[in-house]
Amino acid sequence: MMGTLATVLAKKKIRTFKDRFWATVTGDIESVRGVLKITRIRVHYFIKVAKERHGDVDQAMGEYLVKCPAAQSVIGCIDITDTITMSAP
């Protein structure tokens, strides 16, 4: 997912070097009818980007999941929540 978002951002000329773009990921594993199952994944991205580019980042966040093979493979089975924090470079 992070790689797909980075690709969408790169097309908008937004740099995603390691010191400017990272994520934390948490999830829930629950017993569903006696079988352990990943039920939720929460991804929180962090990016250092100029304030005038925040709209471009928001747009990328709104479109990357439909292009992401990993997300598309599990949507409908696992609840995915994604958020982002933007700060100055």
PDB file of N, CA and C in Angstrom:
ATOM      1  N   MET A   1       0.822  -1.178   0.000  1.00  0.00           N
ATOM      2  CA  MET A   1       0.000   0.000   0.000  1.00  0.00           C
ATOM      3  C   MET A   1       0.874   1.253   0.000  1.00  0.00           C
ATOM      4  N   MET A   2       1.902   1.240   0.820  1.00  0.00           N
ATOM      5  CA  MET A   2       2.779   2.409   0.893  1.00  0.00           C
ATOM      6  C   MET A   2       3.470   2.654  -0.443  1.00  0.00           C
ATOM      7  N   GLY A   3       3.864   1.586  -1.107  1.00  0.00           N
ATOM      8  CA  GLY A   3       4.511   1.727  -2.410  1.00  0.00           C
ATOM      9  C   GLY A   3       3.575   2.294  -3.460  1.00  0.00           C
ATOM     10  N   THR A   4       2.320   1.894  -3.431  1.00  0.00           N
ATOM     11  CA  THR A   4       1.351   2.431  -4.383  1.00  0.00           C
ATOM     12  C   THR A   4       1.098   3.908  -4.114  1.00  0.00           C
ATOM     13  N   LEU A   5       0.963   4.272  -2.846  1.00  0.00           N
ATOM     14  CA  LEU A   5       0.791   5.688  -2.517  1.00  0.00           C
ATOM     15  C   LEU A   5       2.022   6.484  -2.941  1.00  0.00           C
ATOM     16  N   ALA A   6       3.212   5.944  -2.716  1.00  0.00           N
ATOM     17  CA  ALA A   6       4.437   6.634  -3.138  1.00  0.00           C
ATOM     18  C   ALA A   6       4.456   6.838  -4.648  1.00  0.00           C
ATOM     19  N   THR A   7       3.983   5.868  -5.406  1.00  0.00           N
ATOM     20  CA  THR A   7       3.929   5.982  -6.862  1.00  0.00           C
ATOM     21  C   THR A   7       2.970   7.096  -7.284  1.00  0.00           C
ATOM     22  N   VAL A   8       1.810   7.147  -6.654  1.00  0.00           N
ATOM     23  CA  VAL A   8       0.832   8.202  -6.968  1.00  0.00           C
ATOM     24  C   VAL A   8       1.412   9.571  -6.605  1.00  0.00           C
ATOM     25  N   LEU A   9       2.075   9.659  -5.467  1.00  0.00           N
ATOM     26  CA  LEU A   9       2.697  10.922  -5.068  1.00  0.00           C
ATOM     27  C   LEU A   9       3.815  11.316  -6.029  1.00  0.00           C
ATOM     28  N   ALA A  10       4.605  10.358  -6.471  1.00  0.00           N
ATOM     29  CA  ALA A  10       5.701  10.642  -7.409  1.00  0.00           C
ATOM     30  C   ALA A  10       5.162  11.210  -8.719  1.00  0.00           C
ATOM     31  N   LYS A  11       4.035  10.717  -9.166  1.00  0.00           N
ATOM     32  CA  LYS A  11       3.424  11.250 -10.387  1.00  0.00           C
ATOM     33  C   LYS A  11       2.994  12.698 -10.218  1.00  0.00           C
ATOM     34  N   LYS A  12       2.801  13.098  -8.955  1.00  0.00           N
ATOM     35  CA  LYS A  12       2.450  14.486  -8.659  1.00  0.00           C
ATOM     36  C   LYS A  12       3.704  15.295  -8.309  1.00  0.00           C
ATOM     37  N   LYS A  13       4.884  14.684  -8.541  1.00  0.00           N
ATOM     38  CA  LYS A  13       6.180  15.328  -8.264  1.00  0.00           C
ATOM     39  C   LYS A  13       6.377  15.615  -6.775  1.00  0.00           C
ATOM     40  N   ILE A  14       5.851  14.729  -5.926  1.00  0.00           N
ATOM     41  CA  ILE A  14       6.049  14.837  -4.487  1.00  0.00           C
ATOM     42  C   ILE A  14       7.036  13.749  -4.082  1.00  0.00           C
ATOM     43  N   ARG A  15       8.139  14.151  -3.472  1.00  0.00           N
ATOM     44  CA  ARG A  15       9.199  13.213  -3.095  1.00  0.00           C
ATOM     45  C   ARG A  15       8.791  12.367  -1.900  1.00  0.00           C
ATOM     46  N   THR A  16       9.210  11.105  -1.940  1.00  0.00           N
ATOM     47  CA  THR A  16       8.858  10.177  -0.866  1.00  0.00           C
ATOM     48  C   THR A  16      10.091   9.448  -0.342  1.00  0.00           C
ATOM     49  N   PHE A  17      11.190  10.187  -0.177  1.00  0.00           N
ATOM     50  CA  PHE A  17      12.388   9.577   0.403  1.00  0.00           C
ATOM     51  C   PHE A  17      12.092   9.124   1.824  1.00  0.00           C
ATOM     52  N   LYS A  18      12.901   8.181   2.347  1.00  0.00           N
ATOM     53  CA  LYS A  18      12.671   7.607   3.676  1.00  0.00           C
ATOM     54  C   LYS A  18      12.592   8.648   4.783  1.00  0.00           C
ATOM     55  N   ASP A  19      13.343   9.734   4.659  1.00  0.00           N
ATOM     56  CA  ASP A  19      13.306  10.755   5.708  1.00  0.00           C
ATOM     57  C   ASP A  19      12.108  11.691   5.562  1.00  0.00           C
ATOM     58  N   ARG A  20      11.321  11.527   4.498  1.00  0.00           N
ATOM     59  CA  ARG A  20      10.169  12.400   4.248  1.00  0.00           C
ATOM     60  C   ARG A  20       8.832  11.655   4.248  1.00  0.00           C
ATOM     61  N   PHE A  21       8.870  10.319   4.197  1.00  0.00           N
ATOM     62  CA  PHE A  21       7.636   9.556   4.030  1.00  0.00           C
ATOM     63  C   PHE A  21       7.788   8.207   4.723  1.00  0.00           C
ATOM     64  N   TRP A  22       6.910   7.933   5.694  1.00  0.00           N
ATOM     65  CA  TRP A  22       6.940   6.660   6.394  1.00  0.00           C
ATOM     66  C   TRP A  22       5.539   6.362   6.918  1.00  0.00           C
ATOM     67  N   ALA A  23       5.366   5.180   7.474  1.00  0.00           N
ATOM     68  CA  ALA A  23       4.042   4.788   7.958  1.00  0.00           C
ATOM     69  C   ALA A  23       4.163   3.915   9.198  1.00  0.00           C
ATOM     70  N   THR A  24       3.121   3.938  10.000  1.00  0.00           N
ATOM     71  CA  THR A  24       2.957   2.963  11.076  1.00  0.00           C
ATOM     72  C   THR A  24       1.711   2.148  10.742  1.00  0.00           C
ATOM     73  N   VAL A  25       1.764   0.874  11.057  1.00  0.00           N
ATOM     74  CA  VAL A  25       0.662  -0.024  10.717  1.00  0.00           C
ATOM     75  C   VAL A  25       0.292  -0.832  11.955  1.00  0.00           C
ATOM     76  N   THR A  26      -0.994  -0.874  12.248  1.00  0.00           N
ATOM     77  CA  THR A  26      -1.495  -1.715  13.326  1.00  0.00           C
ATOM     78  C   THR A  26      -2.681  -2.504  12.778  1.00  0.00           C
ATOM     79  N   GLY A  27      -3.012  -3.551  13.466  1.00  0.00           N
ATOM     80  CA  GLY A  27      -4.139  -4.354  13.015  1.00  0.00           C
ATOM     81  C   GLY A  27      -4.756  -5.127  14.157  1.00  0.00           C
ATOM     82  N   ASP A  28      -5.879  -5.729  13.865  1.00  0.00           N
ATOM     83  CA  ASP A  28      -6.592  -6.542  14.843  1.00  0.00           C
ATOM     84  C   ASP A  28      -6.717  -7.955  14.311  1.00  0.00           C
ATOM     85  N   ILE A  29      -6.455  -8.897  15.201  1.00  0.00           N
ATOM     86  CA  ILE A  29      -6.661 -10.309  14.891  1.00  0.00           C
ATOM     87  C   ILE A  29      -7.739 -10.800  15.846  1.00  0.00           C
ATOM     88  N   GLU A  30      -8.789 -11.380  15.285  1.00  0.00           N
ATOM     89  CA  GLU A  30      -9.913 -11.834  16.093  1.00  0.00           C
ATOM     90  C   GLU A  30     -10.259 -13.275  15.743  1.00  0.00           C
ATOM     91  N   SER A  31     -10.904 -13.932  16.677  1.00  0.00           N
ATOM     92  CA  SER A  31     -11.410 -15.269  16.426  1.00  0.00           C
ATOM     93  C   SER A  31     -12.762 -15.149  15.732  1.00  0.00           C
ATOM     94  N   VAL A  32     -12.823 -15.659  14.518  1.00  0.00           N
ATOM     95  CA  VAL A  32     -14.059 -15.656  13.740  1.00  0.00           C
ATOM     96  C   VAL A  32     -14.466 -17.120  13.550  1.00  0.00           C
ATOM     97  N   ARG A  33     -15.546 -17.497  14.241  1.00  0.00           N
ATOM     98  CA  ARG A  33     -16.011 -18.894  14.217  1.00  0.00           C
ATOM     99  C   ARG A  33     -14.875 -19.862  14.547  1.00  0.00           C
ATOM    100  N   GLY A  34     -14.065 -19.468  15.555  1.00  0.00           N
ATOM    101  CA  GLY A  34     -13.001 -20.347  16.031  1.00  0.00           C
ATOM    102  C   GLY A  34     -11.708 -20.296  15.234  1.00  0.00           C
ATOM    103  N   VAL A  35     -11.641 -19.430  14.235  1.00  0.00           N
ATOM    104  CA  VAL A  35     -10.436 -19.299  13.412  1.00  0.00           C
ATOM    105  C   VAL A  35      -9.889 -17.884  13.569  1.00  0.00           C
ATOM    106  N   LEU A  36      -8.588 -17.772  13.842  1.00  0.00           N
ATOM    107  CA  LEU A  36      -7.986 -16.449  13.947  1.00  0.00           C
ATOM    108  C   LEU A  36      -7.942 -15.804  12.573  1.00  0.00           C
ATOM    109  N   LYS A  37      -8.366 -14.535  12.541  1.00  0.00           N
ATOM    110  CA  LYS A  37      -8.477 -13.824  11.269  1.00  0.00           C
ATOM    111  C   LYS A  37      -8.074 -12.369  11.470  1.00  0.00           C
ATOM    112  N   ILE A  38      -7.313 -11.822  10.517  1.00  0.00           N
ATOM    113  CA  ILE A  38      -7.028 -10.394  10.525  1.00  0.00           C
ATOM    114  C   ILE A  38      -8.317  -9.707  10.099  1.00  0.00           C
ATOM    115  N   THR A  39      -8.841  -8.848  10.963  1.00  0.00           N
ATOM    116  CA  THR A  39     -10.122  -8.205  10.669  1.00  0.00           C
ATOM    117  C   THR A  39      -9.983  -6.727  10.322  1.00  0.00           C
ATOM    118  N   ARG A  40      -8.943  -6.077  10.835  1.00  0.00           N
ATOM    119  CA  ARG A  40      -8.747  -4.654  10.583  1.00  0.00           C
ATOM    120  C   ARG A  40      -7.273  -4.334  10.437  1.00  0.00           C
ATOM    121  N   ILE A  41      -6.978  -3.421   9.521  1.00  0.00           N
ATOM    122  CA  ILE A  41      -5.632  -2.874   9.356  1.00  0.00           C
ATOM    123  C   ILE A  41      -5.764  -1.359   9.349  1.00  0.00           C
ATOM    124  N   ARG A  42      -4.945  -0.718  10.172  1.00  0.00           N
ATOM    125  CA  ARG A  42      -4.915   0.746  10.228  1.00  0.00           C
ATOM    126  C   ARG A  42      -3.519   1.202   9.796  1.00  0.00           C
ATOM    127  N   VAL A  43      -3.477   2.016   8.765  1.00  0.00           N
ATOM    128  CA  VAL A  43      -2.213   2.544   8.262  1.00  0.00           C
ATOM    129  C   VAL A  43      -2.233   4.056   8.489  1.00  0.00           C
ATOM    130  N   HIS A  44      -1.205   4.539   9.172  1.00  0.00           N
ATOM    131  CA  HIS A  44      -1.084   5.988   9.359  1.00  0.00           C
ATOM    132  C   HIS A  44       0.217   6.432   8.704  1.00  0.00           C
ATOM    133  N   TYR A  45       0.073   7.227   7.671  1.00  0.00           N
ATOM    134  CA  TYR A  45       1.224   7.745   6.929  1.00  0.00           C
ATOM    135  C   TYR A  45       1.673   9.067   7.524  1.00  0.00           C
ATOM    136  N   PHE A  46       2.947   9.346   7.357  1.00  0.00           N
ATOM    137  CA  PHE A  46       3.543  10.622   7.723  1.00  0.00           C
ATOM    138  C   PHE A  46       4.314  11.111   6.509  1.00  0.00           C
ATOM    139  N   ILE A  47       4.138  12.374   6.156  1.00  0.00           N
ATOM    140  CA  ILE A  47       4.879  12.924   5.028  1.00  0.00           C
ATOM    141  C   ILE A  47       5.279  14.361   5.338  1.00  0.00           C
ATOM    142  N   LYS A  48       6.486  14.684   4.951  1.00  0.00           N
ATOM    143  CA  LYS A  48       6.974  16.063   5.044  1.00  0.00           C
ATOM    144  C   LYS A  48       6.811  16.666   3.660  1.00  0.00           C
ATOM    145  N   VAL A  49       5.950  17.677   3.585  1.00  0.00           N
ATOM    146  CA  VAL A  49       5.613  18.273   2.297  1.00  0.00           C
ATOM    147  C   VAL A  49       5.218  19.729   2.519  1.00  0.00           C
ATOM    148  N   ALA A  50       5.533  20.571   1.548  1.00  0.00           N
ATOM    149  CA  ALA A  50       5.174  21.988   1.638  1.00  0.00           C
ATOM    150  C   ALA A  50       3.653  22.138   1.740  1.00  0.00           C
ATOM    151  N   LYS A  51       3.223  23.142   2.494  1.00  0.00           N
ATOM    152  CA  LYS A  51       1.793  23.352   2.731  1.00  0.00           C
ATOM    153  C   LYS A  51       1.001  23.493   1.437  1.00  0.00           C
ATOM    154  N   GLU A  52       1.577  24.119   0.430  1.00  0.00           N
ATOM    155  CA  GLU A  52       0.860  24.304  -0.835  1.00  0.00           C
ATOM    156  C   GLU A  52       0.628  22.987  -1.581  1.00  0.00           C
ATOM    157  N   ARG A  53       1.245  21.911  -1.141  1.00  0.00           N
ATOM    158  CA  ARG A  53       1.063  20.593  -1.776  1.00  0.00           C
ATOM    159  C   ARG A  53       0.093  19.698  -1.008  1.00  0.00           C
ATOM    160  N   HIS A  54      -0.452  20.193   0.111  1.00  0.00           N
ATOM    161  CA  HIS A  54      -1.358  19.370   0.915  1.00  0.00           C
ATOM    162  C   HIS A  54      -2.562  18.885   0.108  1.00  0.00           C
ATOM    163  N   GLY A  55      -3.086  19.714  -0.755  1.00  0.00           N
ATOM    164  CA  GLY A  55      -4.215  19.303  -1.587  1.00  0.00           C
ATOM    165  C   GLY A  55      -3.859  18.147  -2.499  1.00  0.00           C
ATOM    166  N   ASP A  56      -2.637  18.168  -3.050  1.00  0.00           N
ATOM    167  CA  ASP A  56      -2.183  17.069  -3.904  1.00  0.00           C
ATOM    168  C   ASP A  56      -2.054  15.773  -3.106  1.00  0.00           C
ATOM    169  N   VAL A  57      -1.568  15.885  -1.872  1.00  0.00           N
ATOM    170  CA  VAL A  57      -1.443  14.699  -1.020  1.00  0.00           C
ATOM    171  C   VAL A  57      -2.826  14.157  -0.679  1.00  0.00           C
ATOM    172  N   ASP A  58      -3.749  15.031  -0.330  1.00  0.00           N
ATOM    173  CA  ASP A  58      -5.123  14.591  -0.042  1.00  0.00           C
ATOM    174  C   ASP A  58      -5.737  13.888  -1.252  1.00  0.00           C
ATOM    175  N   GLN A  59      -5.492  14.430  -2.432  1.00  0.00           N
ATOM    176  CA  GLN A  59      -6.012  13.811  -3.652  1.00  0.00           C
ATOM    177  C   GLN A  59      -5.407  12.420  -3.848  1.00  0.00           C
ATOM    178  N   ALA A  60      -4.110  12.293  -3.631  1.00  0.00           N
ATOM    179  CA  ALA A  60      -3.441  10.995  -3.761  1.00  0.00           C
ATOM    180  C   ALA A  60      -4.019   9.985  -2.770  1.00  0.00           C
ATOM    181  N   MET A  61      -4.277  10.439  -1.553  1.00  0.00           N
ATOM    182  CA  MET A  61      -4.872   9.547  -0.547  1.00  0.00           C
ATOM    183  C   MET A  61      -6.241   9.046  -0.995  1.00  0.00           C
ATOM    184  N   GLY A  62      -6.959   9.878  -1.715  1.00  0.00           N
ATOM    185  CA  GLY A  62      -8.289   9.499  -2.165  1.00  0.00           C
ATOM    186  C   GLY A  62      -8.311   8.549  -3.340  1.00  0.00           C
ATOM    187  N   GLU A  63      -7.171   8.389  -4.009  1.00  0.00           N
ATOM    188  CA  GLU A  63      -7.179   7.569  -5.223  1.00  0.00           C
ATOM    189  C   GLU A  63      -6.251   6.356  -5.219  1.00  0.00           C
ATOM    190  N   TYR A  64      -5.324   6.257  -4.283  1.00  0.00           N
ATOM    191  CA  TYR A  64      -4.319   5.194  -4.387  1.00  0.00           C
ATOM    192  C   TYR A  64      -4.839   3.794  -4.075  1.00  0.00           C
ATOM    193  N   LEU A  65      -5.807   3.667  -3.169  1.00  0.00           N
ATOM    194  CA  LEU A  65      -6.264   2.323  -2.780  1.00  0.00           C
ATOM    195  C   LEU A  65      -6.872   1.541  -3.940  1.00  0.00           C
ATOM    196  N   VAL A  66      -7.548   2.213  -4.857  1.00  0.00           N
ATOM    197  CA  VAL A  66      -8.143   1.498  -5.985  1.00  0.00           C
ATOM    198  C   VAL A  66      -7.078   1.016  -6.968  1.00  0.00           C
ATOM    199  N   LYS A  67      -5.860   1.546  -6.846  1.00  0.00           N
ATOM    200  CA  LYS A  67      -4.753   1.138  -7.711  1.00  0.00           C
ATOM    201  C   LYS A  67      -3.812   0.146  -7.027  1.00  0.00           C
ATOM    202  N   CYS A  68      -4.062  -0.164  -5.773  1.00  0.00           N
ATOM    203  CA  CYS A  68      -3.149  -0.973  -4.969  1.00  0.00           C
ATOM    204  C   CYS A  68      -3.522  -2.457  -5.016  1.00  0.00           C
ATOM    205  N   PRO A  69      -2.654  -3.294  -5.579  1.00  0.00           N
ATOM    206  CA  PRO A  69      -2.955  -4.727  -5.651  1.00  0.00           C
ATOM    207  C   PRO A  69      -3.170  -5.363  -4.274  1.00  0.00           C
ATOM    208  N   ALA A  70      -2.367  -4.991  -3.286  1.00  0.00           N
ATOM    209  CA  ALA A  70      -2.512  -5.588  -1.952  1.00  0.00           C
ATOM    210  C   ALA A  70      -3.855  -5.210  -1.343  1.00  0.00           C
ATOM    211  N   ALA A  71      -4.185  -3.931  -1.389  1.00  0.00           N
ATOM    212  CA  ALA A  71      -5.459  -3.488  -0.823  1.00  0.00           C
ATOM    213  C   ALA A  71      -6.630  -4.119  -1.559  1.00  0.00           C
ATOM    214  N   GLN A  72      -6.580  -4.136  -2.871  1.00  0.00           N
ATOM    215  CA  GLN A  72      -7.683  -4.687  -3.650  1.00  0.00           C
ATOM    216  C   GLN A  72      -7.851  -6.186  -3.412  1.00  0.00           C
ATOM    217  N   SER A  73      -6.781  -6.849  -3.002  1.00  0.00           N
ATOM    218  CA  SER A  73      -6.856  -8.291  -2.721  1.00  0.00           C
ATOM    219  C   SER A  73      -7.606  -8.593  -1.431  1.00  0.00           C
ATOM    220  N   VAL A  74      -7.630  -7.635  -0.488  1.00  0.00           N
ATOM    221  CA  VAL A  74      -8.239  -7.926   0.805  1.00  0.00           C
ATOM    222  C   VAL A  74      -9.454  -7.064   1.140  1.00  0.00           C
ATOM    223  N   ILE A  75      -9.703  -6.003   0.368  1.00  0.00           N
ATOM    224  CA  ILE A  75     -10.877  -5.168   0.631  1.00  0.00           C
ATOM    225  C   ILE A  75     -12.121  -6.056   0.529  1.00  0.00           C
ATOM    226  N   GLY A  76     -12.990  -5.932   1.485  1.00  0.00           N
ATOM    227  CA  GLY A  76     -14.165  -6.798   1.561  1.00  0.00           C
ATOM    228  C   GLY A  76     -13.970  -7.905   2.576  1.00  0.00           C
ATOM    229  N   CYS A  77     -12.716  -8.231   2.853  1.00  0.00           N
ATOM    230  CA  CYS A  77     -12.393  -9.251   3.858  1.00  0.00           C
ATOM    231  C   CYS A  77     -11.785  -8.618   5.105  1.00  0.00           C
ATOM    232  N   ILE A  78     -10.996  -7.582   4.901  1.00  0.00           N
ATOM    233  CA  ILE A  78     -10.317  -6.885   5.984  1.00  0.00           C
ATOM    234  C   ILE A  78     -10.658  -5.408   5.861  1.00  0.00           C
ATOM    235  N   ASP A  79     -11.050  -4.811   6.979  1.00  0.00           N
ATOM    236  CA  ASP A  79     -11.365  -3.380   7.014  1.00  0.00           C
ATOM    237  C   ASP A  79     -10.044  -2.600   7.021  1.00  0.00           C
ATOM    238  N   ILE A  80      -9.849  -1.733   6.036  1.00  0.00           N
ATOM    239  CA  ILE A  80      -8.630  -0.929   5.938  1.00  0.00           C
ATOM    240  C   ILE A  80      -8.969   0.529   6.227  1.00  0.00           C
ATOM    241  N   THR A  81      -8.230   1.117   7.169  1.00  0.00           N
ATOM    242  CA  THR A  81      -8.354   2.529   7.487  1.00  0.00           C
ATOM    243  C   THR A  81      -7.008   3.172   7.213  1.00  0.00           C
ATOM    244  N   ASP A  82      -7.006   4.281   6.465  1.00  0.00           N
ATOM    245  CA  ASP A  82      -5.752   4.979   6.191  1.00  0.00           C
ATOM    246  C   ASP A  82      -5.906   6.456   6.527  1.00  0.00           C
ATOM    247  N   THR A  83      -4.887   7.000   7.181  1.00  0.00           N
ATOM    248  CA  THR A  83      -4.865   8.402   7.553  1.00  0.00           C
ATOM    249  C   THR A  83      -3.465   8.932   7.261  1.00  0.00           C
ATOM    250  N   ILE A  84      -3.326  10.256   7.274  1.00  0.00           N
ATOM    251  CA  ILE A  84      -2.017  10.843   6.995  1.00  0.00           C
ATOM    252  C   ILE A  84      -1.824  12.100   7.835  1.00  0.00           C
ATOM    253  N   THR A  85      -0.598  12.285   8.274  1.00  0.00           N
ATOM    254  CA  THR A  85      -0.185  13.510   8.945  1.00  0.00           C
ATOM    255  C   THR A  85       0.843  14.194   8.049  1.00  0.00           C
ATOM    256  N   MET A  86       0.597  15.459   7.749  1.00  0.00           N
ATOM    257  CA  MET A  86       1.521  16.233   6.920  1.00  0.00           C
ATOM    258  C   MET A  86       2.216  17.271   7.782  1.00  0.00           C
ATOM    259  N   SER A  87       3.521  17.416   7.583  1.00  0.00           N
ATOM    260  CA  SER A  87       4.287  18.425   8.299  1.00  0.00           C
ATOM    261  C   SER A  87       5.243  19.106   7.321  1.00  0.00           C
ATOM    262  N   ALA A  88       5.799  20.218   7.745  1.00  0.00           N
ATOM    263  CA  ALA A  88       6.724  20.970   6.894  1.00  0.00           C
ATOM    264  C   ALA A  88       8.021  20.189   6.691  1.00  0.00           C
ATOM    265  N   PRO A  89       8.609  20.315   5.516  1.00  0.00           N
ATOM    266  CA  PRO A  89       9.878  19.610   5.255  1.00  0.00           C
ATOM    267  C   PRO A  89      11.020  20.154   6.094  1.00  0.00           C
TER     268      PRO A  89
END
